[in-house]
PDB file of N, CA and C in Angstrom:
ATOM      1  N   MET A   1     -28.692 -15.328 -45.990  1.00  0.00           N
ATOM      2  CA  MET A   1     -29.471 -15.583 -47.201  1.00  0.00           C
ATOM      3  C   MET A   1     -28.658 -15.218 -48.429  1.00  0.00           C
ATOM      4  N   THR A   2     -28.003 -14.048 -48.414  1.00  0.00           N
ATOM      5  CA  THR A   2     -27.215 -13.612 -49.570  1.00  0.00           C
ATOM      6  C   THR A   2     -26.073 -14.580 -49.832  1.00  0.00           C
ATOM      7  N   GLY A   3     -25.432 -15.045 -48.758  1.00  0.00           N
ATOM      8  CA  GLY A   3     -24.341 -16.008 -48.907  1.00  0.00           C
ATOM      9  C   GLY A   3     -24.803 -17.287 -49.582  1.00  0.00           C
ATOM     10  N   ALA A   4     -26.005 -17.749 -49.225  1.00  0.00           N
ATOM     11  CA  ALA A   4     -26.542 -18.968 -49.829  1.00  0.00           C
ATOM     12  C   ALA A   4     -26.800 -18.761 -51.321  1.00  0.00           C
ATOM     13  N   LEU A   5     -27.272 -17.576 -51.697  1.00  0.00           N
ATOM     14  CA  LEU A   5     -27.504 -17.291 -53.116  1.00  0.00           C
ATOM     15  C   LEU A   5     -26.197 -17.269 -53.891  1.00  0.00           C
ATOM     16  N   ILE A   6     -25.177 -16.671 -53.311  1.00  0.00           N
ATOM     17  CA  ILE A   6     -23.876 -16.615 -53.979  1.00  0.00           C
ATOM     18  C   ILE A   6     -23.328 -18.025 -54.171  1.00  0.00           C
ATOM     19  N   VAL A   7     -23.405 -18.847 -53.147  1.00  0.00           N
ATOM     20  CA  VAL A   7     -22.923 -20.229 -53.251  1.00  0.00           C
ATOM     21  C   VAL A   7     -23.720 -20.974 -54.310  1.00  0.00           C
ATOM     22  N   ALA A   8     -25.031 -20.779 -54.346  1.00  0.00           N
ATOM     23  CA  ALA A   8     -25.870 -21.460 -55.331  1.00  0.00           C
ATOM     24  C   ALA A   8     -25.505 -21.029 -56.740  1.00  0.00           C
ATOM     25  N   VAL A   9     -25.301 -19.738 -56.949  1.00  0.00           N
ATOM     26  CA  VAL A   9     -24.953 -19.233 -58.271  1.00  0.00           C
ATOM     27  C   VAL A   9     -23.585 -19.748 -58.688  1.00  0.00           C
ATOM     28  N   LEU A  10     -22.611 -19.714 -57.786  1.00  0.00           N
ATOM     29  CA  LEU A  10     -21.279 -20.205 -58.121  1.00  0.00           C
ATOM     30  C   LEU A  10     -21.309 -21.697 -58.403  1.00  0.00           C
ATOM     31  N   GLY A  11     -22.100 -22.428 -57.670  1.00  0.00           N
ATOM     32  CA  GLY A  11     -22.223 -23.867 -57.905  1.00  0.00           C
ATOM     33  C   GLY A  11     -22.795 -24.164 -59.272  1.00  0.00           C
ATOM     34  N   ILE A  12     -23.803 -23.425 -59.665  1.00  0.00           N
ATOM     35  CA  ILE A  12     -24.411 -23.610 -60.989  1.00  0.00           C
ATOM     36  C   ILE A  12     -23.423 -23.205 -62.070  1.00  0.00           C
ATOM     37  N   GLY A  13     -22.716 -22.093 -61.878  1.00  0.00           N
ATOM     38  CA  GLY A  13     -21.740 -21.641 -62.863  1.00  0.00           C
ATOM     39  C   GLY A  13     -20.622 -22.640 -63.052  1.00  0.00           C
ATOM     40  N   GLY A  14     -20.156 -23.233 -61.962  1.00  0.00           N
ATOM     41  CA  GLY A  14     -19.094 -24.227 -62.067  1.00  0.00           C
ATOM     42  C   GLY A  14     -19.544 -25.454 -62.830  1.00  0.00           C
ATOM     43  N   THR A  15     -20.762 -25.900 -62.604  1.00  0.00           N
ATOM     44  CA  THR A  15     -21.296 -27.056 -63.308  1.00  0.00           C
ATOM     45  C   THR A  15     -21.457 -26.763 -64.789  1.00  0.00           C
ATOM     46  N   THR A  16     -21.946 -25.574 -65.106  1.00  0.00           N
ATOM     47  CA  THR A  16     -22.167 -25.204 -66.494  1.00  0.00           C
ATOM     48  C   THR A  16     -20.852 -25.136 -67.259  1.00  0.00           C
ATOM     49  N   SER A  17     -19.818 -24.537 -66.674  1.00  0.00           N
ATOM     50  CA  SER A  17     -18.553 -24.419 -67.379  1.00  0.00           C
ATOM     51  C   SER A  17     -17.914 -25.780 -67.581  1.00  0.00           C
ATOM     52  N   ALA A  18     -18.077 -26.698 -66.641  1.00  0.00           N
ATOM     53  CA  ALA A  18     -17.519 -28.030 -66.809  1.00  0.00           C
ATOM     54  C   ALA A  18     -18.243 -28.775 -67.921  1.00  0.00           C
ATOM     55  N   MET A  19     -19.539 -28.584 -68.013  1.00  0.00           N
ATOM     56  CA  MET A  19     -20.309 -29.242 -69.058  1.00  0.00           C
ATOM     57  C   MET A  19     -19.961 -28.673 -70.420  1.00  0.00           C
ATOM     58  N   ALA A  20     -19.643 -27.405 -70.500  1.00  0.00           N
ATOM     59  CA  ALA A  20     -19.342 -26.788 -71.783  1.00  0.00           C
ATOM     60  C   ALA A  20     -18.069 -27.354 -72.393  1.00  0.00           C
ATOM     61  N   ALA A  21     -17.138 -27.832 -71.571  1.00  0.00           N
ATOM     62  CA  ALA A  21     -15.875 -28.335 -72.085  1.00  0.00           C
ATOM     63  C   ALA A  21     -15.959 -29.796 -72.521  1.00  0.00           C
ATOM     64  N   SER A  22     -16.998 -30.506 -72.118  1.00  0.00           N
ATOM     65  CA  SER A  22     -17.117 -31.912 -72.477  1.00  0.00           C
ATOM     66  C   SER A  22     -18.003 -32.066 -73.712  1.00  0.00           C
ATOM     67  N   PRO A  23     -17.852 -33.186 -74.429  1.00  0.00           N
ATOM     68  CA  PRO A  23     -18.697 -33.400 -75.605  1.00  0.00           C
ATOM     69  C   PRO A  23     -20.164 -33.425 -75.215  1.00  0.00           C
ATOM     70  N   SER A  24     -21.015 -32.967 -76.095  1.00  0.00           N
ATOM     71  CA  SER A  24     -22.442 -32.952 -75.813  1.00  0.00           C
ATOM     72  C   SER A  24     -23.012 -34.355 -75.972  1.00  0.00           C
ATOM     73  N   GLN A  25     -24.269 -34.524 -75.586  1.00  0.00           N
ATOM     74  CA  GLN A  25     -24.901 -35.830 -75.642  1.00  0.00           C
ATOM     75  C   GLN A  25     -25.043 -36.339 -77.071  1.00  0.00           C
ATOM     76  N   ASP A  26     -25.095 -35.443 -78.051  1.00  0.00           N
ATOM     77  CA  ASP A  26     -25.237 -35.885 -79.435  1.00  0.00           C
ATOM     78  C   ASP A  26     -23.880 -36.182 -80.080  1.00  0.00           C
ATOM     79  N   GLY A  27     -22.779 -36.197 -79.275  1.00  0.00           N
ATOM     80  CA  GLY A  27     -21.477 -36.603 -79.771  1.00  0.00           C
ATOM     81  C   GLY A  27     -20.633 -35.499 -80.371  1.00  0.00           C
ATOM     82  N   GLN A  28     -21.107 -34.272 -80.359  1.00  0.00           N
ATOM     83  CA  GLN A  28     -20.319 -33.184 -80.917  1.00  0.00           C
ATOM     84  C   GLN A  28     -19.155 -32.860 -79.995  1.00  0.00           C
ATOM     85  N   GLN A  29     -18.012 -32.516 -80.585  1.00  0.00           N
ATOM     86  CA  GLN A  29     -16.824 -32.149 -79.832  1.00  0.00           C
ATOM     87  C   GLN A  29     -16.879 -30.663 -79.477  1.00  0.00           C
ATOM     88  N   PRO A  30     -16.092 -30.234 -78.490  1.00  0.00           N
ATOM     89  CA  PRO A  30     -16.029 -28.815 -78.154  1.00  0.00           C
ATOM     90  C   PRO A  30     -15.501 -28.003 -79.338  1.00  0.00           C
ATOM     91  N   ARG A  31     -15.706 -26.692 -79.283  1.00  0.00           N
ATOM     92  CA  ARG A  31     -15.253 -25.823 -80.372  1.00  0.00           C
ATOM     93  C   ARG A  31     -13.753 -25.951 -80.585  1.00  0.00           C
ATOM     94  N   GLN A  32     -13.343 -25.844 -81.853  1.00  0.00           N
ATOM     95  CA  GLN A  32     -11.929 -25.878 -82.191  1.00  0.00           C
ATOM     96  C   GLN A  32     -11.312 -24.504 -82.025  1.00  0.00           C
ATOM     97  N   ASP A  33      -9.998 -24.477 -82.039  1.00  0.00           N
ATOM     98  CA  ASP A  33      -9.246 -23.228 -81.993  1.00  0.00           C
ATOM     99  C   ASP A  33      -9.299 -22.610 -83.389  1.00  0.00           C
ATOM    100  N   CYS A  34     -10.115 -21.587 -83.574  1.00  0.00           N
ATOM    101  CA  CYS A  34     -10.267 -20.941 -84.879  1.00  0.00           C
ATOM    102  C   CYS A  34      -9.806 -19.489 -84.798  1.00  0.00           C
ATOM    103  N   ARG A  35      -9.296 -18.993 -85.906  1.00  0.00           N
ATOM    104  CA  ARG A  35      -8.884 -17.586 -85.992  1.00  0.00           C
ATOM    105  C   ARG A  35      -9.083 -17.098 -87.408  1.00  0.00           C
ATOM    106  N   THR A  36      -9.274 -15.781 -87.548  1.00  0.00           N
ATOM    107  CA  THR A  36      -9.508 -15.162 -88.847  1.00  0.00           C
ATOM    108  C   THR A  36      -8.542 -14.010 -89.042  1.00  0.00           C
ATOM    109  N   TYR A  37      -7.808 -14.046 -90.136  1.00  0.00           N
ATOM    110  CA  TYR A  37      -6.915 -12.964 -90.533  1.00  0.00           C
ATOM    111  C   TYR A  37      -7.072 -12.784 -92.032  1.00  0.00           C
ATOM    112  N   SER A  38      -7.043 -11.564 -92.498  1.00  0.00           N
ATOM    113  CA  SER A  38      -7.156 -11.245 -93.925  1.00  0.00           C
ATOM    114  C   SER A  38      -8.360 -11.933 -94.549  1.00  0.00           C
ATOM    115  N   SER A  39      -9.473 -11.936 -93.843  1.00  0.00           N
ATOM    116  CA  SER A  39     -10.731 -12.533 -94.294  1.00  0.00           C
ATOM    117  C   SER A  39     -10.651 -14.040 -94.508  1.00  0.00           C
ATOM    118  N   VAL A  40      -9.682 -14.697 -93.894  1.00  0.00           N
ATOM    119  CA  VAL A  40      -9.535 -16.147 -93.993  1.00  0.00           C
ATOM    120  C   VAL A  40      -9.674 -16.723 -92.599  1.00  0.00           C
ATOM    121  N   THR A  41     -10.593 -17.675 -92.420  1.00  0.00           N
ATOM    122  CA  THR A  41     -10.772 -18.338 -91.134  1.00  0.00           C
ATOM    123  C   THR A  41     -10.148 -19.718 -91.211  1.00  0.00           C
ATOM    124  N   GLN A  42      -9.405 -20.054 -90.167  1.00  0.00           N
ATOM    125  CA  GLN A  42      -8.747 -21.350 -90.121  1.00  0.00           C
ATOM    126  C   GLN A  42      -8.925 -21.930 -88.734  1.00  0.00           C
ATOM    127  N   CYS A  43      -9.265 -23.209 -88.670  1.00  0.00           N
ATOM    128  CA  CYS A  43      -9.437 -23.900 -87.392  1.00  0.00           C
ATOM    129  C   CYS A  43      -8.403 -25.003 -87.281  1.00  0.00           C
ATOM    130  N   GLY A  44      -7.838 -25.157 -86.100  1.00  0.00           N
ATOM    131  CA  GLY A  44      -6.832 -26.179 -85.881  1.00  0.00           C
ATOM    132  C   GLY A  44      -5.478 -25.749 -86.422  1.00  0.00           C
ATOM    133  N   GLU A  45      -4.565 -26.702 -86.513  1.00  0.00           N
ATOM    134  CA  GLU A  45      -3.218 -26.435 -87.020  1.00  0.00           C
ATOM    135  C   GLU A  45      -3.053 -27.099 -88.375  1.00  0.00           C
ATOM    136  N   PRO A  46      -2.819 -26.315 -89.429  1.00  0.00           N
ATOM    137  CA  PRO A  46      -2.659 -26.904 -90.759  1.00  0.00           C
ATOM    138  C   PRO A  46      -1.276 -27.547 -90.919  1.00  0.00           C
ATOM    139  N   GLN A  47      -1.168 -28.462 -91.847  1.00  0.00           N
ATOM    140  CA  GLN A  47       0.119 -29.043 -92.212  1.00  0.00           C
ATOM    141  C   GLN A  47       0.746 -28.117 -93.245  1.00  0.00           C
ATOM    142  N   LEU A  48       1.903 -27.575 -92.952  1.00  0.00           N
ATOM    143  CA  LEU A  48       2.569 -26.628 -93.844  1.00  0.00           C
ATOM    144  C   LEU A  48       3.647 -27.342 -94.646  1.00  0.00           C
ATOM    145  N   ASN A  49       3.770 -26.959 -95.944  1.00  0.00           N
ATOM    146  CA  ASN A  49       4.877 -27.474 -96.727  1.00  0.00           C
ATOM    147  C   ASN A  49       6.113 -26.624 -96.430  1.00  0.00           C
ATOM    148  N   GLN A  50       7.240 -26.932 -97.068  1.00  0.00           N
ATOM    149  CA  GLN A  50       8.489 -26.225 -96.761  1.00  0.00           C
ATOM    150  C   GLN A  50       8.396 -24.741 -97.109  1.00  0.00           C
ATOM    151  N   LYS A  51       7.777 -24.422 -98.224  1.00  0.00           N
ATOM    152  CA  LYS A  51       7.651 -23.016 -98.637  1.00  0.00           C
ATOM    153  C   LYS A  51       6.808 -22.238 -97.630  1.00  0.00           C
ATOM    154  N   GLN A  52       5.707 -22.824 -97.186  1.00  0.00           N
ATOM    155  CA  GLN A  52       4.829 -22.167 -96.221  1.00  0.00           C
ATOM    156  C   GLN A  52       5.533 -22.003 -94.875  1.00  0.00           C
ATOM    157  N   GLN A  53       6.293 -23.008 -94.440  1.00  0.00           N
ATOM    158  CA  GLN A  53       7.010 -22.913 -93.166  1.00  0.00           C
ATOM    159  C   GLN A  53       8.083 -21.835 -93.237  1.00  0.00           C
ATOM    160  N   ALA A  54       8.763 -21.723 -94.381  1.00  0.00           N
ATOM    161  CA  ALA A  54       9.758 -20.655 -94.557  1.00  0.00           C
ATOM    162  C   ALA A  54       9.085 -19.290 -94.499  1.00  0.00           C
ATOM    163  N   CYS A  55       7.900 -19.184 -95.071  1.00  0.00           N
ATOM    164  CA  CYS A  55       7.118 -17.943 -95.022  1.00  0.00           C
ATOM    165  C   CYS A  55       6.782 -17.591 -93.574  1.00  0.00           C
ATOM    166  N   VAL A  56       6.354 -18.580 -92.792  1.00  0.00           N
ATOM    167  CA  VAL A  56       6.021 -18.357 -91.377  1.00  0.00           C
ATOM    168  C   VAL A  56       7.250 -17.878 -90.622  1.00  0.00           C
ATOM    169  N   ASN A  57       8.383 -18.558 -90.810  1.00  0.00           N
ATOM    170  CA  ASN A  57       9.609 -18.177 -90.110  1.00  0.00           C
ATOM    171  C   ASN A  57      10.004 -16.742 -90.434  1.00  0.00           C
ATOM    172  N   SER A  58       9.925 -16.374 -91.704  1.00  0.00           N
ATOM    173  CA  SER A  58      10.283 -15.023 -92.128  1.00  0.00           C
ATOM    174  C   SER A  58       9.335 -13.979 -91.530  1.00  0.00           C
ATOM    175  N   ALA A  59       8.045 -14.271 -91.582  1.00  0.00           N
ATOM    176  CA  ALA A  59       7.049 -13.324 -91.066  1.00  0.00           C
ATOM    177  C   ALA A  59       7.210 -13.114 -89.563  1.00  0.00           C
ATOM    178  N   VAL A  60       7.488 -14.188 -88.827  1.00  0.00           N
ATOM    179  CA  VAL A  60       7.675 -14.089 -87.376  1.00  0.00           C
ATOM    180  C   VAL A  60       8.926 -13.269 -87.068  1.00  0.00           C
ATOM    181  N   GLN A  61       9.990 -13.479 -87.826  1.00  0.00           N
ATOM    182  CA  GLN A  61      11.215 -12.700 -87.615  1.00  0.00           C
ATOM    183  C   GLN A  61      10.978 -11.214 -87.861  1.00  0.00           C
ATOM    184  N   GLN A  62      10.020 -10.899 -88.730  1.00  0.00           N
ATOM    185  CA  GLN A  62       9.712  -9.500 -89.038  1.00  0.00           C
ATOM    186  C   GLN A  62       8.693  -8.904 -88.070  1.00  0.00           C
ATOM    187  N   GLY A  63       8.218  -9.709 -87.099  1.00  0.00           N
ATOM    188  CA  GLY A  63       7.353  -9.169 -86.061  1.00  0.00           C
ATOM    189  C   GLY A  63       5.908  -9.614 -86.086  1.00  0.00           C
ATOM    190  N   MET A  64       5.499 -10.425 -87.048  1.00  0.00           N
ATOM    191  CA  MET A  64       4.122 -10.925 -87.096  1.00  0.00           C
ATOM    192  C   MET A  64       3.971 -12.039 -86.060  1.00  0.00           C
ATOM    193  N   THR A  65       2.796 -12.169 -85.471  1.00  0.00           N
ATOM    194  CA  THR A  65       2.571 -13.282 -84.552  1.00  0.00           C
ATOM    195  C   THR A  65       2.571 -14.592 -85.334  1.00  0.00           C
ATOM    196  N   GLU A  66       2.972 -15.661 -84.667  1.00  0.00           N
ATOM    197  CA  GLU A  66       3.040 -16.956 -85.350  1.00  0.00           C
ATOM    198  C   GLU A  66       1.656 -17.421 -85.785  1.00  0.00           C
ATOM    199  N   ARG A  67       0.640 -17.187 -84.942  1.00  0.00           N
ATOM    200  CA  ARG A  67      -0.723 -17.609 -85.304  1.00  0.00           C
ATOM    201  C   ARG A  67      -1.178 -16.946 -86.598  1.00  0.00           C
ATOM    202  N   ARG A  68      -0.927 -15.655 -86.729  1.00  0.00           N
ATOM    203  CA  ARG A  68      -1.325 -14.945 -87.944  1.00  0.00           C
ATOM    204  C   ARG A  68      -0.482 -15.407 -89.133  1.00  0.00           C
ATOM    205  N   ALA A  69       0.816 -15.567 -88.921  1.00  0.00           N
ATOM    206  CA  ALA A  69       1.705 -15.990 -89.998  1.00  0.00           C
ATOM    207  C   ALA A  69       1.290 -17.353 -90.550  1.00  0.00           C
ATOM    208  N   VAL A  70       0.916 -18.279 -89.673  1.00  0.00           N
ATOM    209  CA  VAL A  70       0.496 -19.606 -90.128  1.00  0.00           C
ATOM    210  C   VAL A  70      -0.722 -19.501 -91.033  1.00  0.00           C
ATOM    211  N   VAL A  71      -1.711 -18.715 -90.637  1.00  0.00           N
ATOM    212  CA  VAL A  71      -2.921 -18.571 -91.447  1.00  0.00           C
ATOM    213  C   VAL A  71      -2.594 -17.927 -92.791  1.00  0.00           C
ATOM    214  N   GLU A  72      -1.873 -16.819 -92.765  1.00  0.00           N
ATOM    215  CA  GLU A  72      -1.596 -16.111 -94.010  1.00  0.00           C
ATOM    216  C   GLU A  72      -0.677 -16.895 -94.935  1.00  0.00           C
ATOM    217  N   CYS A  73       0.369 -17.523 -94.384  1.00  0.00           N
ATOM    218  CA  CYS A  73       1.283 -18.289 -95.235  1.00  0.00           C
ATOM    219  C   CYS A  73       0.625 -19.555 -95.771  1.00  0.00           C
ATOM    220  N   HIS A  74      -0.230 -20.178 -94.990  1.00  0.00           N
ATOM    221  CA  HIS A  74      -0.949 -21.370 -95.467  1.00  0.00           C
ATOM    222  C   HIS A  74      -1.874 -21.004 -96.618  1.00  0.00           C
ATOM    223  N   THR A  75      -2.432 -19.811 -96.558  1.00  0.00           N
ATOM    224  CA  THR A  75      -3.395 -19.380 -97.582  1.00  0.00           C
ATOM    225  C   THR A  75      -2.713 -18.765 -98.803  1.00  0.00           C
ATOM    226  N   PHE A  76      -1.726 -17.911 -98.582  1.00  0.00           N
ATOM    227  CA  PHE A  76      -1.197 -17.106 -99.679  1.00  0.00           C
ATOM    228  C   PHE A  76       0.170 -17.535-100.192  1.00  0.00           C
ATOM    229  N   ALA A  77       0.895 -18.413 -99.502  1.00  0.00           N
ATOM    230  CA  ALA A  77       2.251 -18.784 -99.961  1.00  0.00           C
ATOM    231  C   ALA A  77       2.210 -19.993-100.871  1.00  0.00           C
TER     232      ALA A  77
END
């Protein structure tokens, strides 16, 4: 009996996680890759100009993660 419950729960969990990754019936897309640094939230990958890309390269060389550098340089550079 316990084995059947575990299989049932795992089966439901697998179906739910697969549905979460697909677009919903109303056409909405799954959540975007968003992050927040220095009170700035950014989703997706922004297009950086040359000054911003140089800022990212410099920040990464100094030890900042690239994800954080992209957000901060896109906002403040």
